[in-house]
Amino acid sequence: MKMLIWMFALVLGMLATASPALAQDGAGGNVNGLIALAAGLGIGIAAFGVALGQGRATAAAMESIGRNPNSADRIFVPMIIGLALMEALCLYALVIAFFLQGKF
C-alpha cells in the first residue's frame, strides 16, 4: 500500500511539472496583471505599516504628555515631524506604484 501511495505521488508530481515544462513561451506572458498586483499590494502594505507606525508614535506621545503635561511643547513638534516623515514613506510607495502602473 505504501508503494502504491509513493507511485501515485510520483505520477502526480510528473503530471504537475510536465505542463509548465512543455508550455510555449509567450511574448511577455501575463506581466501586466502581475505588475498591477504588485502595485496594489505595495500600496496596501505601505499604508498598513504607516498606519501602525503613526498610531504607535501618537500613542506614545500622548502617553508621555499625559504623564508629564509640562513637556507637551517639547514633544508635540517632534511628533508632528515624525508623523510627516512616516506619511512621506507612504507617498513614496504611492509614487513607485504609479511608476509600476506606467510600465505596461
Protein backbone atom coordinates (compact mmCIF):
# COMPACT_ATOMS: atom_id res chain seq x y z
CA MET A 1 0.00 0.00 0.00
CA LYS A 2 2.86 2.36 0.85
CA MET A 3 4.46 1.66 -2.54
CA LEU A 4 1.18 2.49 -4.29
CA ILE A 5 0.98 5.86 -2.49
CA TRP A 6 4.58 6.67 -3.48
CA MET A 7 3.88 5.75 -7.12
CA PHE A 8 0.73 7.87 -7.13
CA ALA A 9 2.66 10.81 -5.68
CA LEU A 10 5.41 10.35 -8.26
CA VAL A 11 2.97 10.27 -11.18
CA LEU A 12 1.07 13.26 -9.80
CA GLY A 13 4.35 15.18 -9.43
CA MET A 14 5.35 14.40 -13.01
CA LEU A 15 1.97 15.49 -14.31
CA ALA A 16 2.14 18.73 -12.34
CA THR A 17 5.59 19.61 -13.71
CA ALA A 18 5.02 18.47 -17.30
CA SER A 19 2.56 21.23 -18.17
CA PRO A 20 4.81 24.19 -17.35
CA ALA A 21 7.85 22.43 -18.82
CA LEU A 22 6.18 21.94 -22.20
CA ALA A 23 4.41 25.29 -22.31
CA GLN A 24 5.12 27.59 -25.21
CA ASP A 25 6.98 30.78 -24.42
CA GLY A 26 4.75 33.78 -24.88
CA ALA A 27 5.69 37.30 -25.83
CA GLY A 28 5.74 38.72 -22.32
CA GLY A 29 3.19 36.50 -20.65
CA ASN A 30 0.81 38.00 -18.13
CA VAL A 31 3.26 40.53 -16.74
CA ASN A 32 0.69 43.34 -16.79
CA GLY A 33 -1.52 41.64 -14.26
CA LEU A 34 1.42 40.86 -12.00
CA ILE A 35 2.63 44.48 -12.13
CA ALA A 36 -0.84 45.69 -11.20
CA LEU A 37 -0.98 43.16 -8.38
CA ALA A 38 2.46 44.23 -7.10
CA ALA A 39 1.46 47.90 -7.21
CA GLY A 40 -1.74 47.27 -5.27
CA LEU A 41 -0.04 45.08 -2.68
CA GLY A 42 2.75 47.61 -2.30
CA ILE A 43 0.34 50.41 -1.55
CA GLY A 44 -1.65 48.26 0.87
CA ILE A 45 1.40 47.07 2.79
CA ALA A 46 2.88 50.58 2.92
CA ALA A 47 -0.37 52.12 4.14
CA PHE A 48 -0.77 49.39 6.76
CA GLY A 49 2.78 49.87 8.04
CA VAL A 50 2.47 53.64 8.13
CA ALA A 51 -0.85 53.44 9.96
CA LEU A 52 0.67 51.17 12.61
CA GLY A 53 3.72 53.41 12.98
CA GLN A 54 1.69 56.58 13.25
CA GLY A 55 -0.66 55.03 15.76
CA ARG A 56 2.17 53.83 17.95
CA ALA A 57 4.03 57.15 17.75
CA THR A 58 0.93 59.15 18.58
CA ALA A 59 0.01 56.82 21.44
CA ALA A 60 3.50 57.08 22.92
CA ALA A 61 3.49 60.87 22.60
CA MET A 62 0.07 61.23 24.18
CA GLU A 63 1.04 58.87 26.99
CA SER A 64 4.18 60.85 27.73
CA ILE A 65 2.22 64.14 27.65
CA GLY A 66 -0.33 62.57 29.99
CA ARG A 67 2.42 61.61 32.44
CA ASN A 68 4.14 64.98 32.23
CA PRO A 69 1.87 67.75 30.88
CA ASN A 70 4.65 70.33 31.11
CA SER A 71 6.57 68.54 28.33
CA ALA A 72 3.77 68.90 25.76
CA ASP A 73 5.50 71.72 23.87
CA ARG A 74 8.76 69.70 23.63
CA ILE A 75 7.01 66.52 22.47
CA PHE A 76 4.40 67.89 20.06
CA VAL A 77 6.68 69.35 17.36
CA PRO A 78 8.98 66.28 17.03
CA MET A 79 5.89 64.06 16.96
CA ILE A 80 4.39 66.05 14.07
CA ILE A 81 7.70 65.94 12.18
CA GLY A 82 7.92 62.19 12.73
CA LEU A 83 4.34 61.69 11.52
CA ALA A 84 5.09 63.76 8.41
CA LEU A 85 8.16 61.64 7.64
CA MET A 86 6.13 58.46 8.07
CA GLU A 87 3.49 59.80 5.72
CA ALA A 88 6.22 60.63 3.20
CA LEU A 89 7.20 56.95 3.15
CA CYS A 90 3.65 56.02 2.20
CA LEU A 91 3.65 58.66 -0.52
CA TYR A 92 6.92 57.25 -1.88
CA ALA A 93 5.20 53.86 -2.13
CA LEU A 94 2.33 55.53 -4.00
CA VAL A 95 4.74 57.13 -6.47
CA ILE A 96 6.51 53.80 -7.02
CA ALA A 97 3.14 52.12 -7.61
CA PHE A 98 2.28 54.78 -10.22
CA PHE A 99 5.63 54.16 -11.92
CA LEU A 100 4.90 50.43 -11.95
CA GLN A 101 1.49 51.09 -13.48
CA GLY A 102 3.19 53.06 -16.26
CA LYS A 103 5.37 50.05 -17.19
CA PHE A 104 2.63 48.36 -19.21
